């Protein structure tokens, strides 16, 4: 059985000590949207398996209790084989 390749894209933004995290939260949301937009716009030219299909627009895995606190989104992509060839 052939399984489709999976790709994982992570977006990280640290929250500097003393910062409220408001600017960082806005920044990571903008980055998540832009990465998802790029993936969707170029899904048939990102890798040798095409098209690439995002499973979602990003799953939050924020690590707020670490030092430094870190905001992180993970976007999982699945490569599919082109059956039109």
Protein backbone atom coordinates (compact mmCIF):
# COMPACT_ATOMS: atom_id res chain seq x y z
CA UNK A 1 0.00 0.00 0.00
CA UNK A 2 1.38 3.40 -1.01
CA UNK A 3 1.02 6.20 1.52
CA UNK A 4 1.01 9.84 0.56
CA UNK A 5 3.92 11.96 1.80
CA UNK A 6 3.26 14.39 4.64
CA UNK A 7 4.95 17.72 5.15
CA UNK A 8 4.82 19.80 8.31
CA UNK A 9 5.30 23.57 8.35
CA UNK A 10 5.89 25.26 11.71
CA UNK A 11 5.55 28.98 12.36
CA UNK A 12 7.23 30.25 15.53
CA UNK A 13 7.07 33.66 17.21
CA UNK A 14 8.74 34.22 20.60
CA UNK A 15 7.18 36.53 23.16
CA UNK A 16 10.01 38.54 24.63
CA UNK A 17 10.23 38.83 28.39
CA UNK A 18 8.09 41.69 29.65
CA UNK A 19 5.96 41.85 26.49
CA UNK A 20 2.19 41.41 26.74
CA UNK A 21 2.07 39.06 23.75
CA UNK A 22 -0.57 41.12 21.93
CA UNK A 23 1.74 42.17 19.08
CA UNK A 24 3.17 38.65 18.82
CA UNK A 25 -0.32 37.09 18.68
CA UNK A 26 -1.27 39.41 15.84
CA UNK A 27 2.02 38.69 14.05
CA UNK A 28 1.67 34.91 14.24
CA UNK A 29 -1.92 35.07 12.98
CA UNK A 30 -0.77 37.17 10.01
CA UNK A 31 2.07 34.72 9.35
CA UNK A 32 -0.25 31.70 9.61
CA UNK A 33 -2.68 33.22 7.11
CA UNK A 34 0.13 34.13 4.70
CA UNK A 35 1.74 30.67 4.85
CA UNK A 36 -1.67 29.03 4.26
CA UNK A 37 -2.32 31.41 1.33
CA UNK A 38 1.06 30.60 -0.26
CA UNK A 39 0.52 26.86 0.16
CA UNK A 40 -2.94 26.98 -1.40
CA UNK A 41 -1.82 29.27 -4.25
CA UNK A 42 1.20 27.08 -5.11
CA UNK A 43 -0.05 23.67 -4.13
CA UNK A 44 0.79 22.08 -7.47
CA UNK A 45 4.38 23.32 -7.59
CA UNK A 46 5.70 22.96 -4.02
CA UNK A 47 7.01 19.41 -4.27
CA UNK A 48 7.33 16.49 -6.65
CA UNK A 49 4.05 15.14 -5.30
CA UNK A 50 1.24 17.35 -6.40
CA UNK A 51 -1.05 18.76 -5.57
CA UNK A 52 -0.19 19.47 -1.95
CA UNK A 53 -3.31 19.61 0.17
CA UNK A 54 -3.33 21.35 3.56
CA UNK A 55 -5.16 19.35 6.24
CA UNK A 56 -6.12 22.59 7.95
CA UNK A 57 -5.06 26.23 8.22
CA UNK A 58 -2.88 25.57 11.25
CA UNK A 59 -3.12 23.92 14.63
CA UNK A 60 -1.95 26.00 17.59
CA UNK A 61 0.78 24.48 19.76
CA UNK A 62 1.61 27.57 21.80
CA UNK A 63 4.19 27.08 24.53
CA UNK A 64 3.35 29.94 26.86
CA UNK A 65 4.97 28.53 29.99
CA UNK A 66 8.43 28.17 28.46
CA UNK A 67 11.28 30.66 28.50
CA UNK A 68 10.86 32.49 26.27
CA UNK A 69 7.15 31.98 25.77
CA UNK A 70 6.55 30.81 22.22
CA UNK A 71 3.57 31.01 19.90
CA UNK A 72 3.60 28.21 17.33
CA UNK A 73 1.29 26.99 14.60
CA UNK A 74 1.77 23.71 12.79
CA UNK A 75 0.32 23.22 9.31
CA UNK A 76 0.27 19.65 7.99
CA UNK A 77 0.28 19.13 4.23
CA UNK A 78 -0.43 15.92 2.35
CA UNK A 79 1.09 15.22 -1.04
CA UNK A 80 -1.16 13.50 -3.53
CA UNK A 81 -0.27 11.91 -6.82
CA UNK A 82 -1.44 13.49 -10.03
CA UNK A 83 -3.74 10.94 -11.63
CA UNK A 84 -4.33 13.02 -14.75
CA UNK A 85 -0.97 12.11 -16.32
